[in-house]
PDB file of N, CA and C in Angstrom:
ATOM      1  N   MET A   1      10.321  -0.051  62.953  1.00  0.00           N
ATOM      2  CA  MET A   1       9.716  -0.375  61.677  1.00  0.00           C
ATOM      3  C   MET A   1       9.552  -1.887  61.528  1.00  0.00           C
ATOM      4  N   ASP A   2      10.452  -2.680  62.124  1.00  0.00           N
ATOM      5  CA  ASP A   2      10.364  -4.136  62.009  1.00  0.00           C
ATOM      6  C   ASP A   2       9.045  -4.673  62.533  1.00  0.00           C
ATOM      7  N   ASP A   3       8.500  -4.062  63.597  1.00  0.00           N
ATOM      8  CA  ASP A   3       7.225  -4.531  64.127  1.00  0.00           C
ATOM      9  C   ASP A   3       6.090  -4.291  63.140  1.00  0.00           C
ATOM     10  N   ILE A   4       6.166  -3.238  62.338  1.00  0.00           N
ATOM     11  CA  ILE A   4       5.160  -2.990  61.308  1.00  0.00           C
ATOM     12  C   ILE A   4       5.246  -4.073  60.241  1.00  0.00           C
ATOM     13  N   TYR A   5       6.454  -4.440  59.847  1.00  0.00           N
ATOM     14  CA  TYR A   5       6.620  -5.515  58.860  1.00  0.00           C
ATOM     15  C   TYR A   5       6.075  -6.834  59.412  1.00  0.00           C
ATOM     16  N   THR A   6       6.402  -7.131  60.659  1.00  0.00           N
ATOM     17  CA  THR A   6       5.950  -8.375  61.276  1.00  0.00           C
ATOM     18  C   THR A   6       4.437  -8.433  61.383  1.00  0.00           C
ATOM     19  N   LYS A   7       3.845  -7.362  61.879  1.00  0.00           N
ATOM     20  CA  LYS A   7       2.393  -7.300  62.050  1.00  0.00           C
ATOM     21  C   LYS A   7       1.679  -7.428  60.715  1.00  0.00           C
ATOM     22  N   ASN A   8       2.155  -6.717  59.703  1.00  0.00           N
ATOM     23  CA  ASN A   8       1.502  -6.763  58.401  1.00  0.00           C
ATOM     24  C   ASN A   8       1.740  -8.078  57.683  1.00  0.00           C
ATOM     25  N   ALA A   9       2.880  -8.709  57.914  1.00  0.00           N
ATOM     26  CA  ALA A   9       3.120 -10.038  57.341  1.00  0.00           C
ATOM     27  C   ALA A   9       2.143 -11.049  57.932  1.00  0.00           C
ATOM     28  N   GLU A  10       1.826 -10.908  59.210  1.00  0.00           N
ATOM     29  CA  GLU A  10       0.847 -11.797  59.827  1.00  0.00           C
ATOM     30  C   GLU A  10      -0.527 -11.625  59.179  1.00  0.00           C
ATOM     31  N   ILE A  11      -0.900 -10.389  58.922  1.00  0.00           N
ATOM     32  CA  ILE A  11      -2.190 -10.138  58.255  1.00  0.00           C
ATOM     33  C   ILE A  11      -2.162 -10.696  56.836  1.00  0.00           C
ATOM     34  N   MET A  12      -1.075 -10.459  56.119  1.00  0.00           N
ATOM     35  CA  MET A  12      -0.976 -10.976  54.757  1.00  0.00           C
ATOM     36  C   MET A  12      -1.051 -12.501  54.742  1.00  0.00           C
ATOM     37  N   ASN A  13      -0.400 -13.123  55.702  1.00  0.00           N
ATOM     38  CA  ASN A  13      -0.468 -14.577  55.809  1.00  0.00           C
ATOM     39  C   ASN A  13      -1.913 -15.026  56.048  1.00  0.00           C
ATOM     40  N   ALA A  14      -2.627 -14.311  56.905  1.00  0.00           N
ATOM     41  CA  ALA A  14      -4.021 -14.661  57.197  1.00  0.00           C
ATOM     42  C   ALA A  14      -4.891 -14.521  55.957  1.00  0.00           C
ATOM     43  N   LEU A  15      -4.547 -13.611  55.076  1.00  0.00           N
ATOM     44  CA  LEU A  15      -5.341 -13.374  53.874  1.00  0.00           C
ATOM     45  C   LEU A  15      -4.845 -14.169  52.664  1.00  0.00           C
ATOM     46  N   SER A  16      -3.893 -15.061  52.875  1.00  0.00           N
ATOM     47  CA  SER A  16      -3.190 -15.693  51.759  1.00  0.00           C
ATOM     48  C   SER A  16      -3.875 -16.894  51.121  1.00  0.00           C
ATOM     49  N   THR A  17      -5.097 -17.197  51.508  1.00  0.00           N
ATOM     50  CA  THR A  17      -5.798 -18.302  50.856  1.00  0.00           C
ATOM     51  C   THR A  17      -7.086 -17.785  50.226  1.00  0.00           C
ATOM     52  N   PRO A  18      -7.497 -18.381  49.117  1.00  0.00           N
ATOM     53  CA  PRO A  18      -8.732 -17.941  48.469  1.00  0.00           C
ATOM     54  C   PRO A  18      -9.951 -18.014  49.389  1.00  0.00           C
ATOM     55  N   ILE A  19     -10.066 -19.050  50.191  1.00  0.00           N
ATOM     56  CA  ILE A  19     -11.254 -19.171  51.045  1.00  0.00           C
ATOM     57  C   ILE A  19     -11.295 -18.053  52.082  1.00  0.00           C
ATOM     58  N   ARG A  20     -10.158 -17.694  52.652  1.00  0.00           N
ATOM     59  CA  ARG A  20     -10.158 -16.616  53.647  1.00  0.00           C
ATOM     60  C   ARG A  20     -10.436 -15.267  52.993  1.00  0.00           C
ATOM     61  N   LEU A  21      -9.950 -15.061  51.780  1.00  0.00           N
ATOM     62  CA  LEU A  21     -10.301 -13.837  51.065  1.00  0.00           C
ATOM     63  C   LEU A  21     -11.795 -13.806  50.751  1.00  0.00           C
ATOM     64  N   GLN A  22     -12.358 -14.932  50.400  1.00  0.00           N
ATOM     65  CA  GLN A  22     -13.799 -14.996  50.140  1.00  0.00           C
ATOM     66  C   GLN A  22     -14.592 -14.728  51.418  1.00  0.00           C
ATOM     67  N   ILE A  23     -14.124 -15.245  52.531  1.00  0.00           N
ATOM     68  CA  ILE A  23     -14.786 -14.975  53.815  1.00  0.00           C
ATOM     69  C   ILE A  23     -14.748 -13.482  54.109  1.00  0.00           C
ATOM     70  N   MET A  24     -13.600 -12.845  53.879  1.00  0.00           N
ATOM     71  CA  MET A  24     -13.487 -11.402  54.093  1.00  0.00           C
ATOM     72  C   MET A  24     -14.463 -10.661  53.188  1.00  0.00           C
ATOM     73  N   ASP A  25     -14.586 -11.103  51.959  1.00  0.00           N
ATOM     74  CA  ASP A  25     -15.518 -10.487  51.019  1.00  0.00           C
ATOM     75  C   ASP A  25     -16.950 -10.632  51.530  1.00  0.00           C
ATOM     76  N   MET A  26     -17.305 -11.802  52.012  1.00  0.00           N
ATOM     77  CA  MET A  26     -18.648 -12.019  52.559  1.00  0.00           C
ATOM     78  C   MET A  26     -18.904 -11.099  53.745  1.00  0.00           C
ATOM     79  N   LEU A  27     -17.900 -10.967  54.622  1.00  0.00           N
ATOM     80  CA  LEU A  27     -18.055 -10.148  55.820  1.00  0.00           C
ATOM     81  C   LEU A  27     -18.101  -8.653  55.503  1.00  0.00           C
ATOM     82  N   SER A  28     -17.684  -8.286  54.295  1.00  0.00           N
ATOM     83  CA  SER A  28     -17.760  -6.870  53.928  1.00  0.00           C
ATOM     84  C   SER A  28     -19.214  -6.398  53.837  1.00  0.00           C
ATOM     85  N   CYS A  29     -20.139  -7.339  53.727  1.00  0.00           N
ATOM     86  CA  CYS A  29     -21.567  -7.007  53.699  1.00  0.00           C
ATOM     87  C   CYS A  29     -22.128  -6.805  55.103  1.00  0.00           C
ATOM     88  N   GLY A  30     -21.372  -7.220  56.125  1.00  0.00           N
ATOM     89  CA  GLY A  30     -21.812  -7.076  57.503  1.00  0.00           C
ATOM     90  C   GLY A  30     -21.595  -8.362  58.287  1.00  0.00           C
ATOM     91  N   GLU A  31     -21.965  -8.310  59.536  1.00  0.00           N
ATOM     92  CA  GLU A  31     -21.790  -9.443  60.448  1.00  0.00           C
ATOM     93  C   GLU A  31     -22.550 -10.676  59.944  1.00  0.00           C
ATOM     94  N   LEU A  32     -21.888 -11.839  60.056  1.00  0.00           N
ATOM     95  CA  LEU A  32     -22.514 -13.095  59.634  1.00  0.00           C
ATOM     96  C   LEU A  32     -22.350 -14.165  60.696  1.00  0.00           C
ATOM     97  N   CYS A  33     -23.343 -15.018  60.773  1.00  0.00           N
ATOM     98  CA  CYS A  33     -23.307 -16.175  61.654  1.00  0.00           C
ATOM     99  C   CYS A  33     -22.363 -17.221  61.051  1.00  0.00           C
ATOM    100  N   ALA A  34     -21.643 -17.914  61.903  1.00  0.00           N
ATOM    101  CA  ALA A  34     -20.694 -18.924  61.448  1.00  0.00           C
ATOM    102  C   ALA A  34     -21.359 -19.969  60.560  1.00  0.00           C
ATOM    103  N   SER A  35     -22.578 -20.355  60.897  1.00  0.00           N
ATOM    104  CA  SER A  35     -23.241 -21.397  60.103  1.00  0.00           C
ATOM    105  C   SER A  35     -23.521 -20.935  58.678  1.00  0.00           C
ATOM    106  N   VAL A  36     -23.792 -19.649  58.485  1.00  0.00           N
ATOM    107  CA  VAL A  36     -24.017 -19.110  57.140  1.00  0.00           C
ATOM    108  C   VAL A  36     -22.727 -19.195  56.326  1.00  0.00           C
ATOM    109  N   ILE A  37     -21.626 -18.827  56.936  1.00  0.00           N
ATOM    110  CA  ILE A  37     -20.324 -18.905  56.255  1.00  0.00           C
ATOM    111  C   ILE A  37     -20.013 -20.354  55.925  1.00  0.00           C
ATOM    112  N   GLN A  38     -20.192 -21.225  56.893  1.00  0.00           N
ATOM    113  CA  GLN A  38     -19.898 -22.650  56.708  1.00  0.00           C
ATOM    114  C   GLN A  38     -20.697 -23.232  55.547  1.00  0.00           C
ATOM    115  N   GLU A  39     -21.979 -22.954  55.511  1.00  0.00           N
ATOM    116  CA  GLU A  39     -22.843 -23.485  54.451  1.00  0.00           C
ATOM    117  C   GLU A  39     -22.479 -22.931  53.082  1.00  0.00           C
ATOM    118  N   SER A  40     -21.984 -21.705  53.036  1.00  0.00           N
ATOM    119  CA  SER A  40     -21.611 -21.087  51.765  1.00  0.00           C
ATOM    120  C   SER A  40     -20.449 -21.809  51.094  1.00  0.00           C
ATOM    121  N   PHE A  41     -19.615 -22.432  51.893  1.00  0.00           N
ATOM    122  CA  PHE A  41     -18.434 -23.107  51.360  1.00  0.00           C
ATOM    123  C   PHE A  41     -18.550 -24.628  51.398  1.00  0.00           C
ATOM    124  N   SER A  42     -19.615 -25.142  51.970  1.00  0.00           N
ATOM    125  CA  SER A  42     -19.785 -26.595  52.123  1.00  0.00           C
ATOM    126  C   SER A  42     -18.558 -27.217  52.791  1.00  0.00           C
ATOM    127  N   ILE A  43     -18.156 -26.604  53.904  1.00  0.00           N
ATOM    128  CA  ILE A  43     -17.017 -27.105  54.671  1.00  0.00           C
ATOM    129  C   ILE A  43     -17.497 -27.530  56.048  1.00  0.00           C
ATOM    130  N   THR A  44     -16.654 -28.270  56.739  1.00  0.00           N
ATOM    131  CA  THR A  44     -17.012 -28.717  58.083  1.00  0.00           C
ATOM    132  C   THR A  44     -16.814 -27.590  59.088  1.00  0.00           C
ATOM    133  N   GLN A  45     -17.425 -27.741  60.233  1.00  0.00           N
ATOM    134  CA  GLN A  45     -17.289 -26.740  61.295  1.00  0.00           C
ATOM    135  C   GLN A  45     -15.837 -26.611  61.749  1.00  0.00           C
ATOM    136  N   PRO A  46     -15.093 -27.726  61.931  1.00  0.00           N
ATOM    137  CA  PRO A  46     -13.681 -27.569  62.315  1.00  0.00           C
ATOM    138  C   PRO A  46     -12.846 -26.826  61.265  1.00  0.00           C
ATOM    139  N   THR A  47     -13.153 -27.040  59.998  1.00  0.00           N
ATOM    140  CA  THR A  47     -12.425 -26.328  58.937  1.00  0.00           C
ATOM    141  C   THR A  47     -12.708 -24.836  59.005  1.00  0.00           C
ATOM    142  N   LEU A  48     -13.980 -24.474  59.175  1.00  0.00           N
ATOM    143  CA  LEU A  48     -14.322 -23.058  59.313  1.00  0.00           C
ATOM    144  C   LEU A  48     -13.642 -22.468  60.546  1.00  0.00           C
ATOM    145  N   SER A  49     -13.682 -23.181  61.661  1.00  0.00           N
ATOM    146  CA  SER A  49     -13.045 -22.698  62.892  1.00  0.00           C
ATOM    147  C   SER A  49     -11.567 -22.432  62.679  1.00  0.00           C
ATOM    148  N   TYR A  50     -10.906 -23.304  61.942  1.00  0.00           N
ATOM    149  CA  TYR A  50      -9.481 -23.139  61.641  1.00  0.00           C
ATOM    150  C   TYR A  50      -9.247 -21.812  60.901  1.00  0.00           C
ATOM    151  N   HIS A  51     -10.015 -21.584  59.849  1.00  0.00           N
ATOM    152  CA  HIS A  51      -9.848 -20.355  59.063  1.00  0.00           C
ATOM    153  C   HIS A  51     -10.197 -19.113  59.888  1.00  0.00           C
ATOM    154  N   MET A  52     -11.258 -19.194  60.665  1.00  0.00           N
ATOM    155  CA  MET A  52     -11.673 -18.033  61.452  1.00  0.00           C
ATOM    156  C   MET A  52     -10.674 -17.731  62.568  1.00  0.00           C
ATOM    157  N   LYS A  53     -10.054 -18.763  63.115  1.00  0.00           N
ATOM    158  CA  LYS A  53      -9.032 -18.551  64.148  1.00  0.00           C
ATOM    159  C   LYS A  53      -7.851 -17.772  63.564  1.00  0.00           C
ATOM    160  N   ILE A  54      -7.463 -18.099  62.358  1.00  0.00           N
ATOM    161  CA  ILE A  54      -6.359 -17.388  61.715  1.00  0.00           C
ATOM    162  C   ILE A  54      -6.730 -15.922  61.480  1.00  0.00           C
ATOM    163  N   LEU A  55      -7.938 -15.687  60.986  1.00  0.00           N
ATOM    164  CA  LEU A  55      -8.374 -14.311  60.724  1.00  0.00           C
ATOM    165  C   LEU A  55      -8.546 -13.502  62.010  1.00  0.00           C
ATOM    166  N   THR A  56      -9.078 -14.135  63.059  1.00  0.00           N
ATOM    167  CA  THR A  56      -9.247 -13.405  64.321  1.00  0.00           C
ATOM    168  C   THR A  56      -7.899 -13.184  65.003  1.00  0.00           C
ATOM    169  N   SER A  57      -7.008 -14.167  64.926  1.00  0.00           N
ATOM    170  CA  SER A  57      -5.673 -14.006  65.528  1.00  0.00           C
ATOM    171  C   SER A  57      -4.891 -12.880  64.863  1.00  0.00           C
ATOM    172  N   ALA A  58      -5.101 -12.707  63.569  1.00  0.00           N
ATOM    173  CA  ALA A  58      -4.425 -11.624  62.846  1.00  0.00           C
ATOM    174  C   ALA A  58      -5.062 -10.273  63.138  1.00  0.00           C
ATOM    175  N   GLY A  59      -6.236 -10.303  63.772  1.00  0.00           N
ATOM    176  CA  GLY A  59      -6.882  -9.061  64.174  1.00  0.00           C
ATOM    177  C   GLY A  59      -7.743  -8.397  63.120  1.00  0.00           C
ATOM    178  N   VAL A  60      -8.046  -9.111  62.029  1.00  0.00           N
ATOM    179  CA  VAL A  60      -8.839  -8.499  60.968  1.00  0.00           C
ATOM    180  C   VAL A  60     -10.322  -8.862  61.049  1.00  0.00           C
ATOM    181  N   VAL A  61     -10.647  -9.842  61.880  1.00  0.00           N
ATOM    182  CA  VAL A  61     -12.034 -10.272  62.075  1.00  0.00           C
ATOM    183  C   VAL A  61     -12.292 -10.361  63.573  1.00  0.00           C
ATOM    184  N   SER A  62     -13.482  -9.938  63.973  1.00  0.00           N
ATOM    185  CA  SER A  62     -13.872 -10.091  65.378  1.00  0.00           C
ATOM    186  C   SER A  62     -14.952 -11.159  65.483  1.00  0.00           C
ATOM    187  N   MET A  63     -15.034 -11.747  66.654  1.00  0.00           N
ATOM    188  CA  MET A  63     -15.983 -12.814  66.916  1.00  0.00           C
ATOM    189  C   MET A  63     -16.797 -12.458  68.149  1.00  0.00           C
ATOM    190  N   ARG A  64     -18.087 -12.767  68.124  1.00  0.00           N
ATOM    191  CA  ARG A  64     -18.900 -12.603  69.315  1.00  0.00           C
ATOM    192  C   ARG A  64     -19.867 -13.774  69.407  1.00  0.00           C
ATOM    193  N   ASN A  65     -20.149 -14.176  70.632  1.00  0.00           N
ATOM    194  CA  ASN A  65     -21.082 -15.266  70.898  1.00  0.00           C
ATOM    195  C   ASN A  65     -22.427 -14.692  71.305  1.00  0.00           C
ATOM    196  N   GLU A  66     -23.467 -15.314  70.814  1.00  0.00           N
ATOM    197  CA  GLU A  66     -24.820 -14.969  71.222  1.00  0.00           C
ATOM    198  C   GLU A  66     -25.572 -16.293  71.394  1.00  0.00           C
ATOM    199  N   GLY A  67     -25.663 -16.733  72.639  1.00  0.00           N
ATOM    200  CA  GLY A  67     -26.248 -18.052  72.896  1.00  0.00           C
ATOM    201  C   GLY A  67     -25.372 -19.122  72.280  1.00  0.00           C
ATOM    202  N   LYS A  68     -25.976 -19.988  71.494  1.00  0.00           N
ATOM    203  CA  LYS A  68     -25.204 -21.054  70.857  1.00  0.00           C
ATOM    204  C   LYS A  68     -24.637 -20.635  69.495  1.00  0.00           C
ATOM    205  N   TYR A  69     -24.855 -19.395  69.100  1.00  0.00           N
ATOM    206  CA  TYR A  69     -24.404 -18.911  67.799  1.00  0.00           C
ATOM    207  C   TYR A  69     -23.131 -18.079  67.931  1.00  0.00           C
ATOM    208  N   VAL A  70     -22.300 -18.154  66.896  1.00  0.00           N
ATOM    209  CA  VAL A  70     -21.080 -17.361  66.813  1.00  0.00           C
ATOM    210  C   VAL A  70     -21.219 -16.454  65.596  1.00  0.00           C
ATOM    211  N   PHE A  71     -20.923 -15.166  65.799  1.00  0.00           N
ATOM    212  CA  PHE A  71     -21.011 -14.181  64.722  1.00  0.00           C
ATOM    213  C   PHE A  71     -19.627 -13.591  64.470  1.00  0.00           C
ATOM    214  N   TYR A  72     -19.356 -13.329  63.203  1.00  0.00           N
ATOM    215  CA  TYR A  72     -18.081 -12.744  62.800  1.00  0.00           C
ATOM    216  C   TYR A  72     -18.330 -11.445  62.042  1.00  0.00           C
ATOM    217  N   SER A  73     -17.390 -10.518  62.196  1.00  0.00           N
ATOM    218  CA  SER A  73     -17.450  -9.265  61.443  1.00  0.00           C
ATOM    219  C   SER A  73     -16.030  -8.755  61.210  1.00  0.00           C
ATOM    220  N   LEU A  74     -15.911  -7.892  60.213  1.00  0.00           N
ATOM    221  CA  LEU A  74     -14.610  -7.293  59.907  1.00  0.00           C
ATOM    222  C   LEU A  74     -14.256  -6.248  60.943  1.00  0.00           C
ATOM    223  N   LYS A  75     -12.975  -6.138  61.240  1.00  0.00           N
ATOM    224  CA  LYS A  75     -12.469  -5.066  62.101  1.00  0.00           C
ATOM    225  C   LYS A  75     -11.947  -3.975  61.157  1.00  0.00           C
ATOM    226  N   MET A  76     -12.854  -3.110  60.770  1.00  0.00           N
ATOM    227  CA  MET A  76     -12.567  -2.128  59.730  1.00  0.00           C
ATOM    228  C   MET A  76     -11.416  -1.189  60.088  1.00  0.00           C
ATOM    229  N   GLU A  77     -11.329  -0.765  61.343  1.00  0.00           N
ATOM    230  CA  GLU A  77     -10.234   0.137  61.728  1.00  0.00           C
ATOM    231  C   GLU A  77      -8.885  -0.541  61.537  1.00  0.00           C
ATOM    232  N   LYS A  78      -8.789  -1.792  61.942  1.00  0.00           N
ATOM    233  CA  LYS A  78      -7.543  -2.552  61.782  1.00  0.00           C
ATOM    234  C   LYS A  78      -7.204  -2.696  60.297  1.00  0.00           C
ATOM    235  N   LEU A  79      -8.203  -2.967  59.471  1.00  0.00           N
ATOM    236  CA  LEU A  79      -7.976  -3.115  58.035  1.00  0.00           C
ATOM    237  C   LEU A  79      -7.557  -1.795  57.395  1.00  0.00           C
ATOM    238  N   LYS A  80      -8.131  -0.691  57.840  1.00  0.00           N
ATOM    239  CA  LYS A  80      -7.742   0.621  57.308  1.00  0.00           C
ATOM    240  C   LYS A  80      -6.290   0.927  57.658  1.00  0.00           C
ATOM    241  N   ILE A  81      -5.898   0.629  58.889  1.00  0.00           N
ATOM    242  CA  ILE A  81      -4.502   0.835  59.308  1.00  0.00           C
ATOM    243  C   ILE A  81      -3.571  -0.028  58.470  1.00  0.00           C
ATOM    244  N   PHE A  82      -3.944  -1.291  58.289  1.00  0.00           N
ATOM    245  CA  PHE A  82      -3.155  -2.222  57.480  1.00  0.00           C
ATOM    246  C   PHE A  82      -2.962  -1.673  56.063  1.00  0.00           C
ATOM    247  N   LEU A  83      -4.046  -1.272  55.424  1.00  0.00           N
ATOM    248  CA  LEU A  83      -3.951  -0.760  54.053  1.00  0.00           C
ATOM    249  C   LEU A  83      -3.103   0.502  53.986  1.00  0.00           C
ATOM    250  N   ASN A  84      -3.241   1.373  54.974  1.00  0.00           N
ATOM    251  CA  ASN A  84      -2.436   2.587  55.017  1.00  0.00           C
ATOM    252  C   ASN A  84      -0.952   2.256  55.179  1.00  0.00           C
ATOM    253  N   GLU A  85      -0.640   1.326  56.053  1.00  0.00           N
ATOM    254  CA  GLU A  85       0.756   0.951  56.270  1.00  0.00           C
ATOM    255  C   GLU A  85       1.354   0.282  55.038  1.00  0.00           C
ATOM    256  N   ILE A  86       0.571  -0.529  54.337  1.00  0.00           N
ATOM    257  CA  ILE A  86       1.065  -1.149  53.102  1.00  0.00           C
ATOM    258  C   ILE A  86       1.323  -0.072  52.052  1.00  0.00           C
ATOM    259  N   GLU A  87       0.430   0.896  51.966  1.00  0.00           N
ATOM    260  CA  GLU A  87       0.642   2.003  51.037  1.00  0.00           C
ATOM    261  C   GLU A  87       1.926   2.747  51.378  1.00  0.00           C
ATOM    262  N   GLN A  88       2.189   2.953  52.678  1.00  0.00           N
ATOM    263  CA  GLN A  88       3.413   3.634  53.095  1.00  0.00           C
ATOM    264  C   GLN A  88       4.657   2.821  52.727  1.00  0.00           C
ATOM    265  N   ILE A  89       4.560   1.507  52.852  1.00  0.00           N
ATOM    266  CA  ILE A  89       5.701   0.649  52.537  1.00  0.00           C
ATOM    267  C   ILE A  89       6.038   0.727  51.055  1.00  0.00           C
ATOM    268  N   ILE A  90       5.034   0.770  50.195  1.00  0.00           N
ATOM    269  CA  ILE A  90       5.293   0.712  48.752  1.00  0.00           C
ATOM    270  C   ILE A  90       5.409   2.083  48.095  1.00  0.00           C
ATOM    271  N   THR A  91       5.366   3.142  48.889  1.00  0.00           N
ATOM    272  CA  THR A  91       5.476   4.500  48.364  1.00  0.00           C
ATOM    273  C   THR A  91       6.881   5.024  48.617  1.00  0.00           C
ATOM    274  N   LEU A  92       7.484   5.622  47.587  1.00  0.00           N
ATOM    275  CA  LEU A  92       8.807   6.229  47.731  1.00  0.00           C
ATOM    276  C   LEU A  92       8.717   7.409  48.687  1.00  0.00           C
ATOM    277  N   LYS A  93       9.633   7.440  49.632  1.00  0.00           N
ATOM    278  CA  LYS A  93       9.652   8.525  50.612  1.00  0.00           C
ATOM    279  C   LYS A  93      11.098   8.817  50.997  1.00  0.00           C
ATOM    280  N   GLU A  94      11.308   9.953  51.613  1.00  0.00           N
ATOM    281  CA  GLU A  94      12.656  10.407  51.965  1.00  0.00           C
ATOM    282  C   GLU A  94      13.400   9.407  52.848  1.00  0.00           C
ATOM    283  N   GLU A  95      12.719   8.832  53.849  1.00  0.00           N
ATOM    284  CA  GLU A  95      13.382   7.921  54.788  1.00  0.00           C
ATOM    285  C   GLU A  95      13.283   6.459  54.348  1.00  0.00           C
ATOM    286  N   CYS A  96      13.064   6.247  53.071  1.00  0.00           N
ATOM    287  CA  CYS A  96      12.883   4.894  52.535  1.00  0.00           C
ATOM    288  C   CYS A  96      14.173   4.080  52.625  1.00  0.00           C
ATOM    289  N   VAL A  97      14.032   2.803  52.932  1.00  0.00           N
ATOM    290  CA  VAL A  97      15.170   1.898  53.007  1.00  0.00           C
ATOM    291  C   VAL A  97      15.887   1.810  51.659  1.00  0.00           C
ATOM    292  N   CYS A  98      15.177   2.052  50.588  1.00  0.00           N
ATOM    293  CA  CYS A  98      15.776   1.949  49.252  1.00  0.00           C
ATOM    294  C   CYS A  98      16.912   2.951  49.054  1.00  0.00           C
ATOM    295  N   HIS A  99      16.889   4.077  49.754  1.00  0.00           N
ATOM    296  CA  HIS A  99      17.951   5.068  49.592  1.00  0.00           C
ATOM    297  C   HIS A  99      19.303   4.521  50.046  1.00  0.00           C
ATOM    298  N   SER A 100      19.325   3.731  51.089  1.00  0.00           N
ATOM    299  CA  SER A 100      20.600   3.181  51.551  1.00  0.00           C
ATOM    300  C   SER A 100      21.100   2.069  50.639  1.00  0.00           C
ATOM    301  N   ILE A 101      20.222   1.331  50.030  1.00  0.00           N
ATOM    302  CA  ILE A 101      20.682   0.263  49.146  1.00  0.00           C
ATOM    303  C   ILE A 101      20.974   0.779  47.736  1.00  0.00           C
ATOM    304  N   MET A 102      20.406   1.913  47.372  1.00  0.00           N
ATOM    305  CA  MET A 102      20.660   2.491  46.057  1.00  0.00           C
ATOM    306  C   MET A 102      22.125   2.907  45.933  1.00  0.00           C
ATOM    307  N   GLU A 103      22.766   3.214  47.045  1.00  0.00           N
ATOM    308  CA  GLU A 103      24.163   3.614  47.025  1.00  0.00           C
ATOM    309  C   GLU A 103      25.058   2.481  46.544  1.00  0.00           C
ATOM    310  N   ASN A 104      24.597   1.258  46.711  1.00  0.00           N
ATOM    311  CA  ASN A 104      25.352   0.074  46.307  1.00  0.00           C
ATOM    312  C   ASN A 104      24.700  -0.581  45.094  1.00  0.00           C
ATOM    313  N   ASN A 105      24.320   0.219  44.148  1.00  0.00           N
ATOM    314  CA  ASN A 105      23.632  -0.255  42.957  1.00  0.00           C
ATOM    315  C   ASN A 105      24.492  -1.277  42.222  1.00  0.00           C
ATOM    316  N   CYS A 106      23.888  -2.354  41.786  1.00  0.00           N
ATOM    317  CA  CYS A 106      24.595  -3.437  41.097  1.00  0.00           C
ATOM    318  C   CYS A 106      25.356  -2.945  39.863  1.00  0.00           C
ATOM    319  N   ARG A 107      24.793  -2.034  39.119  1.00  0.00           N
ATOM    320  CA  ARG A 107      25.429  -1.563  37.884  1.00  0.00           C
ATOM    321  C   ARG A 107      26.736  -0.819  38.157  1.00  0.00           C
ATOM    322  N   GLU A 108      26.854  -0.238  39.339  1.00  0.00           N
ATOM    323  CA  GLU A 108      28.073   0.497  39.677  1.00  0.00           C
ATOM    324  C   GLU A 108      29.230  -0.426  40.004  1.00  0.00           C
ATOM    325  N   GLN A 109      28.945  -1.687  40.239  1.00  0.00           N
ATOM    326  CA  GLN A 109      29.993  -2.637  40.613  1.00  0.00           C
ATOM    327  C   GLN A 109      30.761  -3.158  39.401  1.00  0.00           C
ATOM    328  N   TYR A 110      30.242  -2.928  38.218  1.00  0.00           N
ATOM    329  CA  TYR A 110      30.881  -3.487  37.013  1.00  0.00           C
ATOM    330  C   TYR A 110      31.747  -2.489  36.306  1.00  0.00           C
TER     331      TYR A 110
END
């Protein structure tokens, strides 16, 4: 289970800035050229590259080259798995970690 927490924390970290969330929102419309994304935010190419590297490293965005152009798109399967796993983490279930800590409830100590 620890690997699920680690993997999802990496994705959450990648999504933790407004600009990266906005990029994800833009990519929800489909594949976009890097220059279109860059112009939308009035940022430099190195700044865009920095943000895109974080998103691609987390596995939520894919990159492809076509000549001198770079295109980005969402990795929908990875995002669906991520959302499902987050739902599983926040849903009460029989094997939930909360059951072991509930036995040591703070109110019972007083």
